[in-house]
Amino acid sequence: MAKANKVNITAGLFTAFAYEQLSVTDSVKTLTESIYLDPTDSEYAKRAIITVEDASIRYNYDGSTPTSTSGHRANAMDSIVLIGTKNIQNFKCIRLGSTSGEINCSYEK
């Protein structure tokens, strides 16, 4: 029998207020400002929790553009936690290979 991977999930430090799901293709994707900017008080998210669903991606959060061969790698079932509004605004991702994937993102403040 295969050994299951241990998964750690931390949630609840901040208050979640929005969620989005993005398809990650061979075009660079960014997170959606109209979603991570809370319209009730015009306050930006302070933390984003991103899960990579079904295909590997490359990403950067310093504003530079990743490619299929450069940037941080995240595999299916990995989580990315971005802390700080600027890092959320600067996040960019692209698929790693020929298979498009999906990311799910919850925004907190």
PDB file of N, CA and C in Angstrom:
ATOM      1  N   MET A   1       0.845  -1.163   0.000  1.00  0.00           N
ATOM      2  CA  MET A   1       0.000   0.000   0.000  1.00  0.00           C
ATOM      3  C   MET A   1       0.900   1.240   0.000  1.00  0.00           C
ATOM      4  N   ALA A   2       0.584   2.226  -0.846  1.00  0.00           N
ATOM      5  CA  ALA A   2       1.363   3.458  -0.934  1.00  0.00           C
ATOM      6  C   ALA A   2       1.117   4.319   0.290  1.00  0.00           C
ATOM      7  N   LYS A   3       2.162   4.966   0.722  1.00  0.00           N
ATOM      8  CA  LYS A   3       2.066   5.858   1.873  1.00  0.00           C
ATOM      9  C   LYS A   3       1.470   7.192   1.435  1.00  0.00           C
ATOM     10  N   ALA A   4       0.504   7.698   2.162  1.00  0.00           N
ATOM     11  CA  ALA A   4      -0.117   8.983   1.848  1.00  0.00           C
ATOM     12  C   ALA A   4       0.803  10.118   2.261  1.00  0.00           C
ATOM     13  N   ASN A   5       0.815  11.176   1.453  1.00  0.00           N
ATOM     14  CA  ASN A   5       1.589  12.362   1.801  1.00  0.00           C
ATOM     15  C   ASN A   5       0.905  13.128   2.915  1.00  0.00           C
ATOM     16  N   LYS A   6       1.695  13.671   3.806  1.00  0.00           N
ATOM     17  CA  LYS A   6       1.167  14.495   4.886  1.00  0.00           C
ATOM     18  C   LYS A   6       0.829  15.871   4.321  1.00  0.00           C
ATOM     19  N   VAL A   7      -0.307  16.396   4.690  1.00  0.00           N
ATOM     20  CA  VAL A   7      -0.749  17.698   4.219  1.00  0.00           C
ATOM     21  C   VAL A   7      -0.992  18.593   5.417  1.00  0.00           C
ATOM     22  N   ASN A   8      -0.408  19.777   5.396  1.00  0.00           N
ATOM     23  CA  ASN A   8      -0.651  20.771   6.441  1.00  0.00           C
ATOM     24  C   ASN A   8      -1.433  21.920   5.845  1.00  0.00           C
ATOM     25  N   ILE A   9      -2.504  22.288   6.476  1.00  0.00           N
ATOM     26  CA  ILE A   9      -3.316  23.410   6.028  1.00  0.00           C
ATOM     27  C   ILE A   9      -3.509  24.347   7.211  1.00  0.00           C
ATOM     28  N   THR A  10      -3.163  25.612   6.987  1.00  0.00           N
ATOM     29  CA  THR A  10      -3.365  26.633   8.006  1.00  0.00           C
ATOM     30  C   THR A  10      -4.379  27.624   7.462  1.00  0.00           C
ATOM     31  N   ALA A  11      -5.431  27.846   8.179  1.00  0.00           N
ATOM     32  CA  ALA A  11      -6.446  28.801   7.748  1.00  0.00           C
ATOM     33  C   ALA A  11      -6.983  29.508   8.973  1.00  0.00           C
ATOM     34  N   GLY A  12      -7.538  30.693   8.774  1.00  0.00           N
ATOM     35  CA  GLY A  12      -8.212  31.379   9.853  1.00  0.00           C
ATOM     36  C   GLY A  12      -7.422  32.457  10.563  1.00  0.00           C
ATOM     37  N   LEU A  13      -6.150  32.666  10.178  1.00  0.00           N
ATOM     38  CA  LEU A  13      -5.379  33.736  10.804  1.00  0.00           C
ATOM     39  C   LEU A  13      -5.999  35.093  10.479  1.00  0.00           C
ATOM     40  N   PHE A  14      -6.430  35.224   9.241  1.00  0.00           N
ATOM     41  CA  PHE A  14      -7.116  36.429   8.785  1.00  0.00           C
ATOM     42  C   PHE A  14      -8.549  36.031   8.435  1.00  0.00           C
ATOM     43  N   THR A  15      -9.358  36.995   8.043  1.00  0.00           N
ATOM     44  CA  THR A  15     -10.733  36.719   7.654  1.00  0.00           C
ATOM     45  C   THR A  15     -10.832  36.576   6.143  1.00  0.00           C
ATOM     46  N   ALA A  16     -11.315  35.437   5.685  1.00  0.00           N
ATOM     47  CA  ALA A  16     -11.509  35.217   4.253  1.00  0.00           C
ATOM     48  C   ALA A  16     -12.694  36.051   3.774  1.00  0.00           C
ATOM     49  N   PHE A  17     -12.542  36.661   2.583  1.00  0.00           N
ATOM     50  CA  PHE A  17     -13.644  37.471   2.057  1.00  0.00           C
ATOM     51  C   PHE A  17     -13.902  37.249   0.574  1.00  0.00           C
ATOM     52  N   ALA A  18     -13.009  36.533  -0.126  1.00  0.00           N
ATOM     53  CA  ALA A  18     -13.223  36.336  -1.562  1.00  0.00           C
ATOM     54  C   ALA A  18     -12.479  35.088  -2.028  1.00  0.00           C
ATOM     55  N   TYR A  19     -12.912  34.599  -3.178  1.00  0.00           N
ATOM     56  CA  TYR A  19     -12.360  33.370  -3.759  1.00  0.00           C
ATOM     57  C   TYR A  19     -12.409  33.494  -5.271  1.00  0.00           C
ATOM     58  N   GLU A  20     -11.404  32.921  -5.933  1.00  0.00           N
ATOM     59  CA  GLU A  20     -11.465  32.826  -7.390  1.00  0.00           C
ATOM     60  C   GLU A  20     -10.774  31.559  -7.855  1.00  0.00           C
ATOM     61  N   GLN A  21     -11.138  31.141  -9.057  1.00  0.00           N
ATOM     62  CA  GLN A  21     -10.570  29.971  -9.699  1.00  0.00           C
ATOM     63  C   GLN A  21     -10.068  30.425 -11.069  1.00  0.00           C
ATOM     64  N   LEU A  22      -8.802  30.107 -11.376  1.00  0.00           N
ATOM     65  CA  LEU A  22      -8.217  30.522 -12.641  1.00  0.00           C
ATOM     66  C   LEU A  22      -7.677  29.323 -13.403  1.00  0.00           C
ATOM     67  N   SER A  23      -7.873  29.329 -14.705  1.00  0.00           N
ATOM     68  CA  SER A  23      -7.256  28.340 -15.578  1.00  0.00           C
ATOM     69  C   SER A  23      -5.858  28.852 -15.920  1.00  0.00           C
ATOM     70  N   VAL A  24      -4.854  27.993 -15.747  1.00  0.00           N
ATOM     71  CA  VAL A  24      -3.469  28.377 -16.024  1.00  0.00           C
ATOM     72  C   VAL A  24      -3.074  27.728 -17.347  1.00  0.00           C
ATOM     73  N   THR A  25      -2.886  28.558 -18.367  1.00  0.00           N
ATOM     74  CA  THR A  25      -2.602  28.093 -19.721  1.00  0.00           C
ATOM     75  C   THR A  25      -1.182  28.498 -20.111  1.00  0.00           C
ATOM     76  N   ASP A  26      -0.923  28.548 -21.404  1.00  0.00           N
ATOM     77  CA  ASP A  26       0.393  28.973 -21.877  1.00  0.00           C
ATOM     78  C   ASP A  26       0.513  30.495 -21.962  1.00  0.00           C
ATOM     79  N   SER A  27      -0.503  31.214 -21.500  1.00  0.00           N
ATOM     80  CA  SER A  27      -0.448  32.675 -21.366  1.00  0.00           C
ATOM     81  C   SER A  27      -0.300  33.016 -19.892  1.00  0.00           C
ATOM     82  N   VAL A  28       0.502  34.021 -19.584  1.00  0.00           N
ATOM     83  CA  VAL A  28       0.737  34.414 -18.191  1.00  0.00           C
ATOM     84  C   VAL A  28      -0.567  34.899 -17.569  1.00  0.00           C
ATOM     85  N   LYS A  29      -0.838  34.411 -16.366  1.00  0.00           N
ATOM     86  CA  LYS A  29      -2.037  34.797 -15.615  1.00  0.00           C
ATOM     87  C   LYS A  29      -1.638  35.593 -14.382  1.00  0.00           C
ATOM     88  N   THR A  30      -2.494  36.529 -14.005  1.00  0.00           N
ATOM     89  CA  THR A  30      -2.345  37.265 -12.746  1.00  0.00           C
ATOM     90  C   THR A  30      -3.614  37.073 -11.939  1.00  0.00           C
ATOM     91  N   LEU A  31      -3.540  37.372 -10.662  1.00  0.00           N
ATOM     92  CA  LEU A  31      -4.735  37.315  -9.819  1.00  0.00           C
ATOM     93  C   LEU A  31      -5.600  38.536 -10.128  1.00  0.00           C
ATOM     94  N   THR A  32      -6.881  38.439  -9.871  1.00  0.00           N
ATOM     95  CA  THR A  32      -7.843  39.450 -10.305  1.00  0.00           C
ATOM     96  C   THR A  32      -8.055  40.528  -9.246  1.00  0.00           C
ATOM     97  N   GLU A  33      -7.604  41.739  -9.569  1.00  0.00           N
ATOM     98  CA  GLU A  33      -7.668  42.833  -8.598  1.00  0.00           C
ATOM     99  C   GLU A  33      -9.092  43.114  -8.122  1.00  0.00           C
ATOM    100  N   SER A  34     -10.054  43.036  -9.012  1.00  0.00           N
ATOM    101  CA  SER A  34     -11.431  43.328  -8.598  1.00  0.00           C
ATOM    102  C   SER A  34     -11.954  42.289  -7.603  1.00  0.00           C
ATOM    103  N   ILE A  35     -11.254  41.157  -7.479  1.00  0.00           N
ATOM    104  CA  ILE A  35     -11.647  40.144  -6.499  1.00  0.00           C
ATOM    105  C   ILE A  35     -10.858  40.305  -5.207  1.00  0.00           C
ATOM    106  N   TYR A  36      -9.537  40.559  -5.290  1.00  0.00           N
ATOM    107  CA  TYR A  36      -8.760  40.695  -4.049  1.00  0.00           C
ATOM    108  C   TYR A  36      -8.827  42.091  -3.434  1.00  0.00           C
ATOM    109  N   LEU A  37      -9.586  42.999  -4.048  1.00  0.00           N
ATOM    110  CA  LEU A  37      -9.908  44.292  -3.444  1.00  0.00           C
ATOM    111  C   LEU A  37     -11.336  44.188  -2.920  1.00  0.00           C
ATOM    112  N   ASP A  38     -11.485  44.207  -1.600  1.00  0.00           N
ATOM    113  CA  ASP A  38     -12.801  44.042  -0.986  1.00  0.00           C
ATOM    114  C   ASP A  38     -13.648  45.284  -1.249  1.00  0.00           C
ATOM    115  N   PRO A  39     -14.749  45.152  -1.992  1.00  0.00           N
ATOM    116  CA  PRO A  39     -15.552  46.328  -2.332  1.00  0.00           C
ATOM    117  C   PRO A  39     -16.294  46.939  -1.139  1.00  0.00           C
ATOM    118  N   THR A  40     -16.428  46.192  -0.048  1.00  0.00           N
ATOM    119  CA  THR A  40     -17.171  46.728   1.091  1.00  0.00           C
ATOM    120  C   THR A  40     -16.401  47.813   1.830  1.00  0.00           C
ATOM    121  N   ASP A  41     -15.066  47.773   1.736  1.00  0.00           N
ATOM    122  CA  ASP A  41     -14.274  48.786   2.443  1.00  0.00           C
ATOM    123  C   ASP A  41     -13.041  49.250   1.665  1.00  0.00           C
ATOM    124  N   SER A  42     -12.951  48.856   0.387  1.00  0.00           N
ATOM    125  CA  SER A  42     -11.826  49.221  -0.483  1.00  0.00           C
ATOM    126  C   SER A  42     -10.477  48.817   0.107  1.00  0.00           C
ATOM    127  N   GLU A  43     -10.442  47.726   0.845  1.00  0.00           N
ATOM    128  CA  GLU A  43      -9.203  47.225   1.436  1.00  0.00           C
ATOM    129  C   GLU A  43      -8.720  46.012   0.647  1.00  0.00           C
ATOM    130  N   TYR A  44      -7.426  45.993   0.358  1.00  0.00           N
ATOM    131  CA  TYR A  44      -6.837  44.875  -0.380  1.00  0.00           C
ATOM    132  C   TYR A  44      -6.582  43.681   0.535  1.00  0.00           C
ATOM    133  N   ALA A  45      -6.569  42.511  -0.075  1.00  0.00           N
ATOM    134  CA  ALA A  45      -6.224  41.288   0.658  1.00  0.00           C
ATOM    135  C   ALA A  45      -4.806  41.404   1.203  1.00  0.00           C
ATOM    136  N   LYS A  46      -4.600  40.811   2.357  1.00  0.00           N
ATOM    137  CA  LYS A  46      -3.277  40.789   2.984  1.00  0.00           C
ATOM    138  C   LYS A  46      -2.619  39.417   2.842  1.00  0.00           C
ATOM    139  N   ARG A  47      -3.442  38.389   2.541  1.00  0.00           N
ATOM    140  CA  ARG A  47      -2.905  37.052   2.346  1.00  0.00           C
ATOM    141  C   ARG A  47      -3.753  36.335   1.293  1.00  0.00           C
ATOM    142  N   ALA A  48      -3.065  35.561   0.458  1.00  0.00           N
ATOM    143  CA  ALA A  48      -3.741  34.726  -0.532  1.00  0.00           C
ATOM    144  C   ALA A  48      -3.268  33.291  -0.343  1.00  0.00           C
ATOM    145  N   ILE A  49      -4.200  32.374  -0.277  1.00  0.00           N
ATOM    146  CA  ILE A  49      -3.880  30.952  -0.203  1.00  0.00           C
ATOM    147  C   ILE A  49      -4.281  30.340  -1.540  1.00  0.00           C
ATOM    148  N   ILE A  50      -3.276  29.827  -2.250  1.00  0.00           N
ATOM    149  CA  ILE A  50      -3.469  29.311  -3.599  1.00  0.00           C
ATOM    150  C   ILE A  50      -3.187  27.817  -3.597  1.00  0.00           C
ATOM    151  N   THR A  51      -4.100  27.041  -4.161  1.00  0.00           N
ATOM    152  CA  THR A  51      -3.853  25.615  -4.341  1.00  0.00           C
ATOM    153  C   THR A  51      -3.748  25.316  -5.830  1.00  0.00           C
ATOM    154  N   VAL A  52      -2.767  24.503  -6.165  1.00  0.00           N
ATOM    155  CA  VAL A  52      -2.555  24.075  -7.547  1.00  0.00           C
ATOM    156  C   VAL A  52      -3.311  22.765  -7.706  1.00  0.00           C
ATOM    157  N   GLU A  53      -4.228  22.717  -8.645  1.00  0.00           N
ATOM    158  CA  GLU A  53      -5.166  21.599  -8.690  1.00  0.00           C
ATOM    159  C   GLU A  53      -4.703  20.393  -9.489  1.00  0.00           C
ATOM    160  N   ASP A  54      -4.332  20.543 -10.738  1.00  0.00           N
ATOM    161  CA  ASP A  54      -4.154  19.334 -11.539  1.00  0.00           C
ATOM    162  C   ASP A  54      -2.989  19.325 -12.514  1.00  0.00           C
ATOM    163  N   ALA A  55      -2.195  20.357 -12.595  1.00  0.00           N
ATOM    164  CA  ALA A  55      -1.017  20.378 -13.472  1.00  0.00           C
ATOM    165  C   ALA A  55      -0.002  21.364 -12.897  1.00  0.00           C
ATOM    166  N   SER A  56       1.261  21.094 -13.121  1.00  0.00           N
ATOM    167  CA  SER A  56       2.328  21.941 -12.578  1.00  0.00           C
ATOM    168  C   SER A  56       2.332  23.320 -13.227  1.00  0.00           C
ATOM    169  N   ILE A  57       2.742  24.312 -12.428  1.00  0.00           N
ATOM    170  CA  ILE A  57       2.850  25.688 -12.911  1.00  0.00           C
ATOM    171  C   ILE A  57       4.215  26.248 -12.530  1.00  0.00           C
ATOM    172  N   ARG A  58       4.582  27.364 -13.132  1.00  0.00           N
ATOM    173  CA  ARG A  58       5.708  28.186 -12.708  1.00  0.00           C
ATOM    174  C   ARG A  58       5.125  29.532 -12.304  1.00  0.00           C
ATOM    175  N   TYR A  59       5.703  30.150 -11.263  1.00  0.00           N
ATOM    176  CA  TYR A  59       5.175  31.434 -10.807  1.00  0.00           C
ATOM    177  C   TYR A  59       6.286  32.310 -10.235  1.00  0.00           C
ATOM    178  N   ASN A  60       6.043  33.593 -10.233  1.00  0.00           N
ATOM    179  CA  ASN A  60       6.865  34.598  -9.553  1.00  0.00           C
ATOM    180  C   ASN A  60       5.922  35.536  -8.826  1.00  0.00           C
ATOM    181  N   TYR A  61       6.405  36.154  -7.775  1.00  0.00           N
ATOM    182  CA  TYR A  61       5.580  37.133  -7.071  1.00  0.00           C
ATOM    183  C   TYR A  61       6.341  38.431  -6.825  1.00  0.00           C
ATOM    184  N   ASP A  62       7.408  38.645  -7.597  1.00  0.00           N
ATOM    185  CA  ASP A  62       8.170  39.893  -7.526  1.00  0.00           C
ATOM    186  C   ASP A  62       7.853  40.817  -8.704  1.00  0.00           C
ATOM    187  N   GLY A  63       6.881  40.436  -9.511  1.00  0.00           N
ATOM    188  CA  GLY A  63       6.491  41.240 -10.661  1.00  0.00           C
ATOM    189  C   GLY A  63       7.130  40.771 -11.961  1.00  0.00           C
ATOM    190  N   SER A  64       8.169  39.932 -11.892  1.00  0.00           N
ATOM    191  CA  SER A  64       8.788  39.428 -13.115  1.00  0.00           C
ATOM    192  C   SER A  64       7.913  38.329 -13.715  1.00  0.00           C
ATOM    193  N   THR A  65       8.092  38.098 -14.997  1.00  0.00           N
ATOM    194  CA  THR A  65       7.238  37.163 -15.717  1.00  0.00           C
ATOM    195  C   THR A  65       7.873  35.775 -15.774  1.00  0.00           C
ATOM    196  N   PRO A  66       7.177  34.764 -15.260  1.00  0.00           N
ATOM    197  CA  PRO A  66       7.696  33.397 -15.355  1.00  0.00           C
ATOM    198  C   PRO A  66       7.532  32.858 -16.778  1.00  0.00           C
ATOM    199  N   THR A  67       8.290  31.837 -17.082  1.00  0.00           N
ATOM    200  CA  THR A  67       8.124  31.122 -18.344  1.00  0.00           C
ATOM    201  C   THR A  67       7.945  29.645 -18.005  1.00  0.00           C
ATOM    202  N   SER A  68       7.783  28.828 -19.007  1.00  0.00           N
ATOM    203  CA  SER A  68       7.626  27.401 -18.744  1.00  0.00           C
ATOM    204  C   SER A  68       8.916  26.772 -18.229  1.00  0.00           C
ATOM    205  N   THR A  69      10.024  27.511 -18.277  1.00  0.00           N
ATOM    206  CA  THR A  69      11.307  26.981 -17.790  1.00  0.00           C
ATOM    207  C   THR A  69      11.930  27.815 -16.676  1.00  0.00           C
ATOM    208  N   SER A  70      11.313  28.928 -16.292  1.00  0.00           N
ATOM    209  CA  SER A  70      11.875  29.755 -15.216  1.00  0.00           C
ATOM    210  C   SER A  70      10.782  30.224 -14.267  1.00  0.00           C
ATOM    211  N   GLY A  71      11.167  30.452 -13.046  1.00  0.00           N
ATOM    212  CA  GLY A  71      10.227  30.826 -11.996  1.00  0.00           C
ATOM    213  C   GLY A  71      10.119  29.689 -10.996  1.00  0.00           C
ATOM    214  N   HIS A  72       9.446  29.943  -9.906  1.00  0.00           N
ATOM    215  CA  HIS A  72       9.226  28.904  -8.900  1.00  0.00           C
ATOM    216  C   HIS A  72       8.303  27.845  -9.486  1.00  0.00           C
ATOM    217  N   ARG A  73       8.554  26.606  -9.135  1.00  0.00           N
ATOM    218  CA  ARG A  73       7.702  25.511  -9.605  1.00  0.00           C
ATOM    219  C   ARG A  73       6.735  25.106  -8.497  1.00  0.00           C
ATOM    220  N   ALA A  74       5.493  24.898  -8.879  1.00  0.00           N
ATOM    221  CA  ALA A  74       4.492  24.340  -7.971  1.00  0.00           C
ATOM    222  C   ALA A  74       3.787  23.211  -8.709  1.00  0.00           C
ATOM    223  N   ASN A  75       3.704  22.086  -8.056  1.00  0.00           N
ATOM    224  CA  ASN A  75       3.095  20.903  -8.657  1.00  0.00           C
ATOM    225  C   ASN A  75       1.640  20.751  -8.213  1.00  0.00           C
ATOM    226  N   ALA A  76       0.918  19.908  -8.917  1.00  0.00           N
ATOM    227  CA  ALA A  76      -0.460  19.619  -8.533  1.00  0.00           C
ATOM    228  C   ALA A  76      -0.499  19.201  -7.070  1.00  0.00           C
ATOM    229  N   MET A  77      -1.467  19.727  -6.343  1.00  0.00           N
ATOM    230  CA  MET A  77      -1.696  19.485  -4.918  1.00  0.00           C
ATOM    231  C   MET A  77      -0.770  20.311  -4.019  1.00  0.00           C
ATOM    232  N   ASP A  78       0.077  21.177  -4.592  1.00  0.00           N
ATOM    233  CA  ASP A  78       0.883  22.088  -3.777  1.00  0.00           C
ATOM    234  C   ASP A  78       0.047  23.303  -3.384  1.00  0.00           C
ATOM    235  N   SER A  79       0.451  23.955  -2.299  1.00  0.00           N
ATOM    236  CA  SER A  79      -0.171  25.202  -1.868  1.00  0.00           C
ATOM    237  C   SER A  79       0.868  26.298  -1.862  1.00  0.00           C
ATOM    238  N   ILE A  80       0.431  27.499  -2.203  1.00  0.00           N
ATOM    239  CA  ILE A  80       1.267  28.697  -2.175  1.00  0.00           C
ATOM    240  C   ILE A  80       0.569  29.675  -1.252  1.00  0.00           C
ATOM    241  N   VAL A  81       1.292  30.225  -0.284  1.00  0.00           N
ATOM    242  CA  VAL A  81       0.729  31.232   0.606  1.00  0.00           C
ATOM    243  C   VAL A  81       1.481  32.535   0.357  1.00  0.00           C
ATOM    244  N   LEU A  82       0.761  33.524  -0.142  1.00  0.00           N
ATOM    245  CA  LEU A  82       1.341  34.849  -0.371  1.00  0.00           C
ATOM    246  C   LEU A  82       0.912  35.757   0.764  1.00  0.00           C
ATOM    247  N   ILE A  83       1.876  36.373   1.419  1.00  0.00           N
ATOM    248  CA  ILE A  83       1.575  37.309   2.497  1.00  0.00           C
ATOM    249  C   ILE A  83       2.028  38.696   2.054  1.00  0.00           C
ATOM    250  N   GLY A  84       1.117  39.640   2.114  1.00  0.00           N
ATOM    251  CA  GLY A  84       1.403  41.011   1.722  1.00  0.00           C
ATOM    252  C   GLY A  84       0.708  41.376   0.422  1.00  0.00           C
ATOM    253  N   THR A  85       0.043  42.510   0.435  1.00  0.00           N
ATOM    254  CA  THR A  85      -0.712  42.973  -0.727  1.00  0.00           C
ATOM    255  C   THR A  85       0.161  43.086  -1.966  1.00  0.00           C
ATOM    256  N   LYS A  86       1.361  43.614  -1.837  1.00  0.00           N
ATOM    257  CA  LYS A  86       2.239  43.796  -2.995  1.00  0.00           C
ATOM    258  C   LYS A  86       2.579  42.451  -3.636  1.00  0.00           C
ATOM    259  N   ASN A  87       2.822  41.423  -2.833  1.00  0.00           N
ATOM    260  CA  ASN A  87       3.122  40.097  -3.383  1.00  0.00           C
ATOM    261  C   ASN A  87       1.918  39.523  -4.122  1.00  0.00           C
ATOM    262  N   ILE A  88       0.725  39.787  -3.622  1.00  0.00           N
ATOM    263  CA  ILE A  88      -0.498  39.335  -4.297  1.00  0.00           C
ATOM    264  C   ILE A  88      -0.646  40.064  -5.631  1.00  0.00           C
ATOM    265  N   GLN A  89      -0.423  41.368  -5.625  1.00  0.00           N
ATOM    266  CA  GLN A  89      -0.528  42.154  -6.852  1.00  0.00           C
ATOM    267  C   GLN A  89       0.508  41.728  -7.888  1.00  0.00           C
ATOM    268  N   ASN A  90       1.684  41.313  -7.443  1.00  0.00           N
ATOM    269  CA  ASN A  90       2.779  40.965  -8.355  1.00  0.00           C
ATOM    270  C   ASN A  90       2.775  39.509  -8.811  1.00  0.00           C
ATOM    271  N   PHE A  91       1.888  38.670  -8.290  1.00  0.00           N
ATOM    272  CA  PHE A  91       1.866  37.244  -8.625  1.00  0.00           C
ATOM    273  C   PHE A  91       1.530  37.036 -10.097  1.00  0.00           C
ATOM    274  N   LYS A  92       2.345  36.215 -10.752  1.00  0.00           N
ATOM    275  CA  LYS A  92       2.104  35.814 -12.138  1.00  0.00           C
ATOM    276  C   LYS A  92       2.410  34.329 -12.250  1.00  0.00           C
ATOM    277  N   CYS A  93       1.628  33.617 -13.077  1.00  0.00           N
ATOM    278  CA  CYS A  93       1.883  32.193 -13.259  1.00  0.00           C
ATOM    279  C   CYS A  93       1.605  31.774 -14.699  1.00  0.00           C
ATOM    280  N   ILE A  94       2.176  30.616 -15.055  1.00  0.00           N
ATOM    281  CA  ILE A  94       2.015  30.032 -16.377  1.00  0.00           C
ATOM    282  C   ILE A  94       2.110  28.515 -16.222  1.00  0.00           C
ATOM    283  N   ARG A  95       1.534  27.777 -17.128  1.00  0.00           N
ATOM    284  CA  ARG A  95       1.636  26.320 -17.030  1.00  0.00           C
ATOM    285  C   ARG A  95       3.071  25.883 -17.301  1.00  0.00           C
ATOM    286  N   LEU A  96       3.457  24.769 -16.727  1.00  0.00           N
ATOM    287  CA  LEU A  96       4.817  24.249 -16.877  1.00  0.00           C
ATOM    288  C   LEU A  96       4.993  23.475 -18.177  1.00  0.00           C
ATOM    289  N   GLY A  97       4.091  22.602 -18.516  1.00  0.00           N
ATOM    290  CA  GLY A  97       4.224  21.769 -19.716  1.00  0.00           C
ATOM    291  C   GLY A  97       3.134  22.081 -20.716  1.00  0.00           C
ATOM    292  N   SER A  98       2.659  21.040 -21.368  1.00  0.00           N
ATOM    293  CA  SER A  98       1.637  21.233 -22.395  1.00  0.00           C
ATOM    294  C   SER A  98       0.212  21.092 -21.855  1.00  0.00           C
ATOM    295  N   THR A  99       0.095  20.735 -20.573  1.00  0.00           N
ATOM    296  CA  THR A  99      -1.228  20.558 -19.975  1.00  0.00           C
ATOM    297  C   THR A  99      -1.596  21.778 -19.143  1.00  0.00           C
ATOM    298  N   SER A 100      -2.731  22.394 -19.471  1.00  0.00           N
ATOM    299  CA  SER A 100      -3.212  23.524 -18.687  1.00  0.00           C
ATOM    300  C   SER A 100      -3.706  23.027 -17.336  1.00  0.00           C
ATOM    301  N   GLY A 101      -3.595  23.879 -16.347  1.00  0.00           N
ATOM    302  CA  GLY A 101      -4.024  23.517 -15.009  1.00  0.00           C
ATOM    303  C   GLY A 101      -5.020  24.511 -14.469  1.00  0.00           C
ATOM    304  N   GLU A 102      -5.204  24.452 -13.182  1.00  0.00           N
ATOM    305  CA  GLU A 102      -6.154  25.327 -12.520  1.00  0.00           C
ATOM    306  C   GLU A 102      -5.598  25.657 -11.134  1.00  0.00           C
ATOM    307  N   ILE A 103      -5.817  26.895 -10.713  1.00  0.00           N
ATOM    308  CA  ILE A 103      -5.494  27.267  -9.347  1.00  0.00           C
ATOM    309  C   ILE A 103      -6.770  27.791  -8.692  1.00  0.00           C
ATOM    310  N   ASN A 104      -6.871  27.547  -7.394  1.00  0.00           N
ATOM    311  CA  ASN A 104      -7.946  28.094  -6.573  1.00  0.00           C
ATOM    312  C   ASN A 104      -7.305  29.022  -5.560  1.00  0.00           C
ATOM    313  N   CYS A 105      -7.898  30.156  -5.350  1.00  0.00           N
ATOM    314  CA  CYS A 105      -7.310  31.158  -4.480  1.00  0.00           C
ATOM    315  C   CYS A 105      -8.353  31.740  -3.529  1.00  0.00           C
ATOM    316  N   SER A 106      -8.034  31.732  -2.245  1.00  0.00           N
ATOM    317  CA  SER A 106      -8.856  32.400  -1.232  1.00  0.00           C
ATOM    318  C   SER A 106      -8.101  33.627  -0.755  1.00  0.00           C
ATOM    319  N   TYR A 107      -8.820  34.725  -0.625  1.00  0.00           N
ATOM    320  CA  TYR A 107      -8.218  35.996  -0.199  1.00  0.00           C
ATOM    321  C   TYR A 107      -8.663  36.328   1.215  1.00  0.00           C
ATOM    322  N   GLU A 108      -7.710  36.818   2.001  1.00  0.00           N
ATOM    323  CA  GLU A 108      -7.971  37.149   3.398  1.00  0.00           C
ATOM    324  C   GLU A 108      -7.422  38.521   3.720  1.00  0.00           C
ATOM    325  N   LYS A 109      -8.007  39.125   4.762  1.00  0.00           N
ATOM    326  CA  LYS A 109      -7.495  40.411   5.267  1.00  0.00           C
ATOM    327  C   LYS A 109      -7.653  40.463   6.756  1.00  0.00           C
TER     328      LYS A 109
END
